Amino acid sequence: MIFMKPVTFTSTLPAEVWQALDVYAAKFKIPRNRIMEQALLAYFERLKQAEYTRSFKKAAGDPELNSMAEEGLEDYLKILDQE
């Protein structure tokens, strides 16, 4: 990850989300922006995993990709047998 200069932004949150943010920031002595940063990074990771899952499910239904994968697996097993 490339570290860039921080960006200031303005947004709105539901009051109950802001209140929970305040409670946890105080409880764990962590700045609110650090909690938001970590929450967003975790969310982005979940989105990336969902994209991978979706692409693998799509690929599983593609007969051409399945055929290529099976051929590649056969070649791999042959290499293992030679070792």
PDB file of N, CA and C in Angstrom:
ATOM      1  N   MET A   1       0.839  -1.170   0.000  1.00  0.00           N
ATOM      2  CA  MET A   1       0.000   0.000   0.000  1.00  0.00           C
ATOM      3  C   MET A   1       0.889   1.241   0.000  1.00  0.00           C
ATOM      4  N   ILE A   2       0.542   2.195  -0.823  1.00  0.00           N
ATOM      5  CA  ILE A   2       1.283   3.447  -0.904  1.00  0.00           C
ATOM      6  C   ILE A   2       0.658   4.424   0.096  1.00  0.00           C
ATOM      7  N   PHE A   3       1.490   5.001   0.935  1.00  0.00           N
ATOM      8  CA  PHE A   3       0.987   5.959   1.911  1.00  0.00           C
ATOM      9  C   PHE A   3       0.965   7.336   1.276  1.00  0.00           C
ATOM     10  N   MET A   4      -0.167   7.958   1.355  1.00  0.00           N
ATOM     11  CA  MET A   4      -0.345   9.283   0.787  1.00  0.00           C
ATOM     12  C   MET A   4      -0.662  10.270   1.907  1.00  0.00           C
ATOM     13  N   LYS A   5      -0.632  11.509   1.524  1.00  0.00           N
ATOM     14  CA  LYS A   5      -0.983  12.572   2.465  1.00  0.00           C
ATOM     15  C   LYS A   5      -2.441  12.398   2.879  1.00  0.00           C
ATOM     16  N   PRO A   6      -2.732  12.532   4.171  1.00  0.00           N
ATOM     17  CA  PRO A   6      -4.125  12.408   4.620  1.00  0.00           C
ATOM     18  C   PRO A   6      -5.033  13.429   3.940  1.00  0.00           C
ATOM     19  N   VAL A   7      -6.272  13.049   3.780  1.00  0.00           N
ATOM     20  CA  VAL A   7      -7.274  13.902   3.151  1.00  0.00           C
ATOM     21  C   VAL A   7      -8.347  14.208   4.186  1.00  0.00           C
ATOM     22  N   THR A   8      -8.733  15.456   4.255  1.00  0.00           N
ATOM     23  CA  THR A   8      -9.819  15.853   5.141  1.00  0.00           C
ATOM     24  C   THR A   8     -11.116  15.813   4.350  1.00  0.00           C
ATOM     25  N   PHE A   9     -12.154  15.236   4.954  1.00  0.00           N
ATOM     26  CA  PHE A   9     -13.436  15.171   4.275  1.00  0.00           C
ATOM     27  C   PHE A   9     -14.555  15.441   5.281  1.00  0.00           C
ATOM     28  N   THR A  10     -15.705  15.780   4.739  1.00  0.00           N
ATOM     29  CA  THR A  10     -16.880  16.024   5.567  1.00  0.00           C
ATOM     30  C   THR A  10     -17.953  15.051   5.131  1.00  0.00           C
ATOM     31  N   SER A  11     -18.596  14.422   6.101  1.00  0.00           N
ATOM     32  CA  SER A  11     -19.649  13.466   5.803  1.00  0.00           C
ATOM     33  C   SER A  11     -20.646  13.465   6.951  1.00  0.00           C
ATOM     34  N   THR A  12     -21.718  12.750   6.778  1.00  0.00           N
ATOM     35  CA  THR A  12     -22.697  12.600   7.850  1.00  0.00           C
ATOM     36  C   THR A  12     -22.854  11.125   8.178  1.00  0.00           C
ATOM     37  N   LEU A  13     -23.142  10.851   9.432  1.00  0.00           N
ATOM     38  CA  LEU A  13     -23.400   9.498   9.906  1.00  0.00           C
ATOM     39  C   LEU A  13     -24.669   9.516  10.737  1.00  0.00           C
ATOM     40  N   PRO A  14     -25.371   8.389  10.791  1.00  0.00           N
ATOM     41  CA  PRO A  14     -26.513   8.331  11.707  1.00  0.00           C
ATOM     42  C   PRO A  14     -26.027   8.572  13.141  1.00  0.00           C
ATOM     43  N   ALA A  15     -26.855   9.215  13.939  1.00  0.00           N
ATOM     44  CA  ALA A  15     -26.475   9.570  15.311  1.00  0.00           C
ATOM     45  C   ALA A  15     -26.039   8.356  16.118  1.00  0.00           C
ATOM     46  N   GLU A  16     -26.726   7.214  15.938  1.00  0.00           N
ATOM     47  CA  GLU A  16     -26.369   6.027  16.720  1.00  0.00           C
ATOM     48  C   GLU A  16     -25.003   5.462  16.319  1.00  0.00           C
ATOM     49  N   VAL A  17     -24.621   5.626  15.061  1.00  0.00           N
ATOM     50  CA  VAL A  17     -23.290   5.177  14.619  1.00  0.00           C
ATOM     51  C   VAL A  17     -22.237   6.094  15.231  1.00  0.00           C
ATOM     52  N   TRP A  18     -22.488   7.389  15.199  1.00  0.00           N
ATOM     53  CA  TRP A  18     -21.538   8.343  15.789  1.00  0.00           C
ATOM     54  C   TRP A  18     -21.388   8.109  17.293  1.00  0.00           C
ATOM     55  N   GLN A  19     -22.506   7.822  17.949  1.00  0.00           N
ATOM     56  CA  GLN A  19     -22.468   7.570  19.386  1.00  0.00           C
ATOM     57  C   GLN A  19     -21.650   6.309  19.685  1.00  0.00           C
ATOM     58  N   ALA A  20     -21.853   5.260  18.900  1.00  0.00           N
ATOM     59  CA  ALA A  20     -21.070   4.028  19.093  1.00  0.00           C
ATOM     60  C   ALA A  20     -19.592   4.292  18.842  1.00  0.00           C
ATOM     61  N   LEU A  21     -19.301   5.095  17.838  1.00  0.00           N
ATOM     62  CA  LEU A  21     -17.918   5.463  17.548  1.00  0.00           C
ATOM     63  C   LEU A  21     -17.290   6.188  18.734  1.00  0.00           C
ATOM     64  N   ASP A  22     -18.018   7.130  19.302  1.00  0.00           N
ATOM     65  CA  ASP A  22     -17.535   7.859  20.479  1.00  0.00           C
ATOM     66  C   ASP A  22     -17.296   6.923  21.660  1.00  0.00           C
ATOM     67  N   VAL A  23     -18.239   6.009  21.890  1.00  0.00           N
ATOM     68  CA  VAL A  23     -18.124   5.076  23.018  1.00  0.00           C
ATOM     69  C   VAL A  23     -16.873   4.217  22.869  1.00  0.00           C
ATOM     70  N   TYR A  24     -16.677   3.627  21.679  1.00  0.00           N
ATOM     71  CA  TYR A  24     -15.522   2.752  21.491  1.00  0.00           C
ATOM     72  C   TYR A  24     -14.207   3.520  21.458  1.00  0.00           C
ATOM     73  N   ALA A  25     -14.228   4.715  20.911  1.00  0.00           N
ATOM     74  CA  ALA A  25     -13.008   5.534  20.904  1.00  0.00           C
ATOM     75  C   ALA A  25     -12.573   5.831  22.333  1.00  0.00           C
ATOM     76  N   ALA A  26     -13.531   6.184  23.170  1.00  0.00           N
ATOM     77  CA  ALA A  26     -13.214   6.479  24.579  1.00  0.00           C
ATOM     78  C   ALA A  26     -12.811   5.206  25.322  1.00  0.00           C
ATOM     79  N   LYS A  27     -13.548   4.144  25.105  1.00  0.00           N
ATOM     80  CA  LYS A  27     -13.296   2.881  25.811  1.00  0.00           C
ATOM     81  C   LYS A  27     -11.898   2.340  25.541  1.00  0.00           C
ATOM     82  N   PHE A  28     -11.483   2.396  24.263  1.00  0.00           N
ATOM     83  CA  PHE A  28     -10.183   1.836  23.884  1.00  0.00           C
ATOM     84  C   PHE A  28      -9.096   2.896  23.704  1.00  0.00           C
ATOM     85  N   LYS A  29      -9.456   4.149  23.981  1.00  0.00           N
ATOM     86  CA  LYS A  29      -8.512   5.263  23.854  1.00  0.00           C
ATOM     87  C   LYS A  29      -7.856   5.288  22.467  1.00  0.00           C
ATOM     88  N   ILE A  30      -8.722   5.214  21.465  1.00  0.00           N
ATOM     89  CA  ILE A  30      -8.298   5.236  20.065  1.00  0.00           C
ATOM     90  C   ILE A  30      -9.009   6.414  19.402  1.00  0.00           C
ATOM     91  N   PRO A  31      -8.310   7.182  18.588  1.00  0.00           N
ATOM     92  CA  PRO A  31      -8.979   8.285  17.886  1.00  0.00           C
ATOM     93  C   PRO A  31     -10.096   7.758  16.963  1.00  0.00           C
ATOM     94  N   ARG A  32     -11.162   8.532  16.877  1.00  0.00           N
ATOM     95  CA  ARG A  32     -12.285   8.131  16.017  1.00  0.00           C
ATOM     96  C   ARG A  32     -11.843   7.884  14.581  1.00  0.00           C
ATOM     97  N   ASN A  33     -10.958   8.742  14.062  1.00  0.00           N
ATOM     98  CA  ASN A  33     -10.548   8.574  12.669  1.00  0.00           C
ATOM     99  C   ASN A  33      -9.782   7.255  12.461  1.00  0.00           C
ATOM    100  N   ARG A  34      -9.077   6.800  13.491  1.00  0.00           N
ATOM    101  CA  ARG A  34      -8.355   5.524  13.385  1.00  0.00           C
ATOM    102  C   ARG A  34      -9.345   4.356  13.332  1.00  0.00           C
ATOM    103  N   ILE A  35     -10.406   4.440  14.130  1.00  0.00           N
ATOM    104  CA  ILE A  35     -11.432   3.401  14.094  1.00  0.00           C
ATOM    105  C   ILE A  35     -12.107   3.377  12.721  1.00  0.00           C
ATOM    106  N   MET A  36     -12.445   4.557  12.214  1.00  0.00           N
ATOM    107  CA  MET A  36     -13.085   4.628  10.895  1.00  0.00           C
ATOM    108  C   MET A  36     -12.158   4.092   9.810  1.00  0.00           C
ATOM    109  N   GLU A  37     -10.877   4.437   9.882  1.00  0.00           N
ATOM    110  CA  GLU A  37      -9.903   3.958   8.903  1.00  0.00           C
ATOM    111  C   GLU A  37      -9.833   2.428   8.922  1.00  0.00           C
ATOM    112  N   GLN A  38      -9.699   1.849  10.112  1.00  0.00           N
ATOM    113  CA  GLN A  38      -9.600   0.400  10.222  1.00  0.00           C
ATOM    114  C   GLN A  38     -10.892  -0.288   9.781  1.00  0.00           C
ATOM    115  N   ALA A  39     -12.029   0.315  10.105  1.00  0.00           N
ATOM    116  CA  ALA A  39     -13.320  -0.247   9.704  1.00  0.00           C
ATOM    117  C   ALA A  39     -13.453  -0.246   8.185  1.00  0.00           C
ATOM    118  N   LEU A  40     -13.052   0.848   7.563  1.00  0.00           N
ATOM    119  CA  LEU A  40     -13.119   0.917   6.096  1.00  0.00           C
ATOM    120  C   LEU A  40     -12.175  -0.082   5.447  1.00  0.00           C
ATOM    121  N   LEU A  41     -10.963  -0.206   5.972  1.00  0.00           N
ATOM    122  CA  LEU A  41     -10.015  -1.174   5.406  1.00  0.00           C
ATOM    123  C   LEU A  41     -10.554  -2.600   5.531  1.00  0.00           C
ATOM    124  N   ALA A  42     -11.157  -2.927   6.669  1.00  0.00           N
ATOM    125  CA  ALA A  42     -11.751  -4.256   6.855  1.00  0.00           C
ATOM    126  C   ALA A  42     -12.913  -4.458   5.878  1.00  0.00           C
ATOM    127  N   TYR A  43     -13.708  -3.427   5.684  1.00  0.00           N
ATOM    128  CA  TYR A  43     -14.839  -3.509   4.761  1.00  0.00           C
ATOM    129  C   TYR A  43     -14.351  -3.702   3.328  1.00  0.00           C
ATOM    130  N   PHE A  44     -13.320  -2.960   2.936  1.00  0.00           N
ATOM    131  CA  PHE A  44     -12.772  -3.114   1.593  1.00  0.00           C
ATOM    132  C   PHE A  44     -12.238  -4.531   1.378  1.00  0.00           C
ATOM    133  N   GLU A  45     -11.630  -5.109   2.406  1.00  0.00           N
ATOM    134  CA  GLU A  45     -11.124  -6.479   2.315  1.00  0.00           C
ATOM    135  C   GLU A  45     -12.283  -7.454   2.105  1.00  0.00           C
ATOM    136  N   ARG A  46     -13.382  -7.246   2.817  1.00  0.00           N
ATOM    137  CA  ARG A  46     -14.561  -8.103   2.628  1.00  0.00           C
ATOM    138  C   ARG A  46     -15.132  -7.955   1.221  1.00  0.00           C
ATOM    139  N   LEU A  47     -15.129  -6.739   0.690  1.00  0.00           N
ATOM    140  CA  LEU A  47     -15.612  -6.531  -0.675  1.00  0.00           C
ATOM    141  C   LEU A  47     -14.718  -7.254  -1.681  1.00  0.00           C
ATOM    142  N   LYS A  48     -13.405  -7.189  -1.462  1.00  0.00           N
ATOM    143  CA  LYS A  48     -12.468  -7.865  -2.349  1.00  0.00           C
ATOM    144  C   LYS A  48     -12.700  -9.378  -2.309  1.00  0.00           C
ATOM    145  N   GLN A  49     -12.911  -9.925  -1.116  1.00  0.00           N
ATOM    146  CA  GLN A  49     -13.188 -11.354  -0.989  1.00  0.00           C
ATOM    147  C   GLN A  49     -14.489 -11.717  -1.688  1.00  0.00           C
ATOM    148  N   ALA A  50     -15.488 -10.864  -1.593  1.00  0.00           N
ATOM    149  CA  ALA A  50     -16.765 -11.114  -2.275  1.00  0.00           C
ATOM    150  C   ALA A  50     -16.576 -11.102  -3.786  1.00  0.00           C
ATOM    151  N   GLU A  51     -15.727 -10.205  -4.287  1.00  0.00           N
ATOM    152  CA  GLU A  51     -15.430 -10.169  -5.723  1.00  0.00           C
ATOM    153  C   GLU A  51     -14.762 -11.465  -6.176  1.00  0.00           C
ATOM    154  N   TYR A  52     -13.789 -11.947  -5.376  1.00  0.00           N
ATOM    155  CA  TYR A  52     -13.121 -13.204  -5.707  1.00  0.00           C
ATOM    156  C   TYR A  52     -14.122 -14.351  -5.722  1.00  0.00           C
ATOM    157  N   THR A  53     -14.959 -14.408  -4.701  1.00  0.00           N
ATOM    158  CA  THR A  53     -15.958 -15.478  -4.622  1.00  0.00           C
ATOM    159  C   THR A  53     -16.873 -15.447  -5.835  1.00  0.00           C
ATOM    160  N   ARG A  54     -17.341 -14.263  -6.181  1.00  0.00           N
ATOM    161  CA  ARG A  54     -18.226 -14.115  -7.339  1.00  0.00           C
ATOM    162  C   ARG A  54     -17.528 -14.545  -8.624  1.00  0.00           C
ATOM    163  N   SER A  55     -16.260 -14.169  -8.787  1.00  0.00           N
ATOM    164  CA  SER A  55     -15.552 -14.526 -10.016  1.00  0.00           C
ATOM    165  C   SER A  55     -15.290 -16.031 -10.089  1.00  0.00           C
ATOM    166  N   PHE A  56     -15.001 -16.668  -8.938  1.00  0.00           N
ATOM    167  CA  PHE A  56     -14.786 -18.116  -8.945  1.00  0.00           C
ATOM    168  C   PHE A  56     -16.090 -18.853  -9.235  1.00  0.00           C
ATOM    169  N   LYS A  57     -17.203 -18.361  -8.687  1.00  0.00           N
ATOM    170  CA  LYS A  57     -18.488 -18.987  -8.976  1.00  0.00           C
ATOM    171  C   LYS A  57     -18.832 -18.848 -10.454  1.00  0.00           C
ATOM    172  N   LYS A  58     -18.534 -17.682 -11.013  1.00  0.00           N
ATOM    173  CA  LYS A  58     -18.795 -17.457 -12.435  1.00  0.00           C
ATOM    174  C   LYS A  58     -17.914 -18.370 -13.275  1.00  0.00           C
ATOM    175  N   ALA A  59     -16.640 -18.488 -12.895  1.00  0.00           N
ATOM    176  CA  ALA A  59     -15.717 -19.341 -13.639  1.00  0.00           C
ATOM    177  C   ALA A  59     -16.121 -20.807 -13.540  1.00  0.00           C
ATOM    178  N   ALA A  60     -16.677 -21.206 -12.402  1.00  0.00           N
ATOM    179  CA  ALA A  60     -17.078 -22.609 -12.215  1.00  0.00           C
ATOM    180  C   ALA A  60     -18.176 -22.996 -13.194  1.00  0.00           C
ATOM    181  N   GLY A  61     -18.970 -22.032 -13.629  1.00  0.00           N
ATOM    182  CA  GLY A  61     -20.046 -22.317 -14.570  1.00  0.00           C
ATOM    183  C   GLY A  61     -19.632 -22.189 -16.022  1.00  0.00           C
ATOM    184  N   ASP A  62     -18.382 -21.858 -16.279  1.00  0.00           N
ATOM    185  CA  ASP A  62     -17.889 -21.673 -17.645  1.00  0.00           C
ATOM    186  C   ASP A  62     -17.240 -22.964 -18.123  1.00  0.00           C
ATOM    187  N   PRO A  63     -17.870 -23.660 -19.086  1.00  0.00           N
ATOM    188  CA  PRO A  63     -17.333 -24.945 -19.553  1.00  0.00           C
ATOM    189  C   PRO A  63     -15.918 -24.838 -20.126  1.00  0.00           C
ATOM    190  N   GLU A  64     -15.633 -23.749 -20.808  1.00  0.00           N
ATOM    191  CA  GLU A  64     -14.303 -23.582 -21.402  1.00  0.00           C
ATOM    192  C   GLU A  64     -13.234 -23.450 -20.314  1.00  0.00           C
ATOM    193  N   LEU A  65     -13.504 -22.656 -19.291  1.00  0.00           N
ATOM    194  CA  LEU A  65     -12.549 -22.510 -18.185  1.00  0.00           C
ATOM    195  C   LEU A  65     -12.390 -23.823 -17.421  1.00  0.00           C
ATOM    196  N   ASN A  66     -13.489 -24.548 -17.234  1.00  0.00           N
ATOM    197  CA  ASN A  66     -13.406 -25.847 -16.562  1.00  0.00           C
ATOM    198  C   ASN A  66     -12.527 -26.807 -17.347  1.00  0.00           C
ATOM    199  N   SER A  67     -12.681 -26.808 -18.644  1.00  0.00           N
ATOM    200  CA  SER A  67     -11.876 -27.682 -19.501  1.00  0.00           C
ATOM    201  C   SER A  67     -10.394 -27.312 -19.402  1.00  0.00           C
ATOM    202  N   MET A  68     -10.104 -26.018 -19.441  1.00  0.00           N
ATOM    203  CA  MET A  68      -8.710 -25.572 -19.328  1.00  0.00           C
ATOM    204  C   MET A  68      -8.128 -25.965 -17.971  1.00  0.00           C
ATOM    205  N   ALA A  69      -8.918 -25.823 -16.917  1.00  0.00           N
ATOM    206  CA  ALA A  69      -8.447 -26.174 -15.576  1.00  0.00           C
ATOM    207  C   ALA A  69      -8.186 -27.666 -15.471  1.00  0.00           C
ATOM    208  N   GLU A  70      -9.069 -28.480 -16.044  1.00  0.00           N
ATOM    209  CA  GLU A  70      -8.881 -29.927 -16.004  1.00  0.00           C
ATOM    210  C   GLU A  70      -7.632 -30.336 -16.776  1.00  0.00           C
ATOM    211  N   GLU A  71      -7.412 -29.706 -17.930  1.00  0.00           N
ATOM    212  CA  GLU A  71      -6.204 -30.007 -18.711  1.00  0.00           C
ATOM    213  C   GLU A  71      -4.959 -29.619 -17.927  1.00  0.00           C
ATOM    214  N   GLY A  72      -5.011 -28.473 -17.286  1.00  0.00           N
ATOM    215  CA  GLY A  72      -3.870 -28.028 -16.491  1.00  0.00           C
ATOM    216  C   GLY A  72      -3.624 -28.950 -15.312  1.00  0.00           C
ATOM    217  N   LEU A  73      -4.675 -29.445 -14.697  1.00  0.00           N
ATOM    218  CA  LEU A  73      -4.532 -30.373 -13.575  1.00  0.00           C
ATOM    219  C   LEU A  73      -3.927 -31.690 -14.033  1.00  0.00           C
ATOM    220  N   GLU A  74      -4.344 -32.157 -15.190  1.00  0.00           N
ATOM    221  CA  GLU A  74      -3.766 -33.398 -15.738  1.00  0.00           C
ATOM    222  C   GLU A  74      -2.268 -33.223 -15.970  1.00  0.00           C
ATOM    223  N   ASP A  75      -1.883 -32.093 -16.543  1.00  0.00           N
ATOM    224  CA  ASP A  75      -0.453 -31.818 -16.766  1.00  0.00           C
ATOM    225  C   ASP A  75       0.297 -31.750 -15.441  1.00  0.00           C
ATOM    226  N   TYR A  76      -0.290 -31.131 -14.456  1.00  0.00           N
ATOM    227  CA  TYR A  76       0.344 -31.003 -13.141  1.00  0.00           C
ATOM    228  C   TYR A  76       0.536 -32.382 -12.512  1.00  0.00           C
ATOM    229  N   LEU A  77      -0.481 -33.243 -12.610  1.00  0.00           N
ATOM    230  CA  LEU A  77      -0.363 -34.582 -12.048  1.00  0.00           C
ATOM    231  C   LEU A  77       0.721 -35.394 -12.754  1.00  0.00           C
ATOM    232  N   LYS A  78       0.865 -35.204 -14.051  1.00  0.00           N
ATOM    233  CA  LYS A  78       1.930 -35.875 -14.804  1.00  0.00           C
ATOM    234  C   LYS A  78       3.302 -35.430 -14.296  1.00  0.00           C
ATOM    235  N   ILE A  79       3.445 -34.140 -14.049  1.00  0.00           N
ATOM    236  CA  ILE A  79       4.724 -33.601 -13.531  1.00  0.00           C
ATOM    237  C   ILE A  79       5.010 -34.200 -12.181  1.00  0.00           C
ATOM    238  N   LEU A  80       4.001 -34.293 -11.319  1.00  0.00           N
ATOM    239  CA  LEU A  80       4.194 -34.887  -9.995  1.00  0.00           C
ATOM    240  C   LEU A  80       4.618 -36.351 -10.087  1.00  0.00           C
ATOM    241  N   ASP A  81       4.030 -37.072 -11.043  1.00  0.00           N
ATOM    242  CA  ASP A  81       4.385 -38.484 -11.212  1.00  0.00           C
ATOM    243  C   ASP A  81       5.832 -38.664 -11.671  1.00  0.00           C
ATOM    244  N   GLN A  82       6.351 -37.687 -12.414  1.00  0.00           N
ATOM    245  CA  GLN A  82       7.722 -37.764 -12.931  1.00  0.00           C
ATOM    246  C   GLN A  82       8.749 -37.482 -11.845  1.00  0.00           C
ATOM    247  N   GLU A  83       8.351 -36.808 -10.803  1.00  0.00           N
ATOM    248  CA  GLU A  83       9.306 -36.430  -9.748  1.00  0.00           C
ATOM    249  C   GLU A  83       9.588 -37.543  -8.812  1.00  0.00           C
TER     250      GLU A  83
END
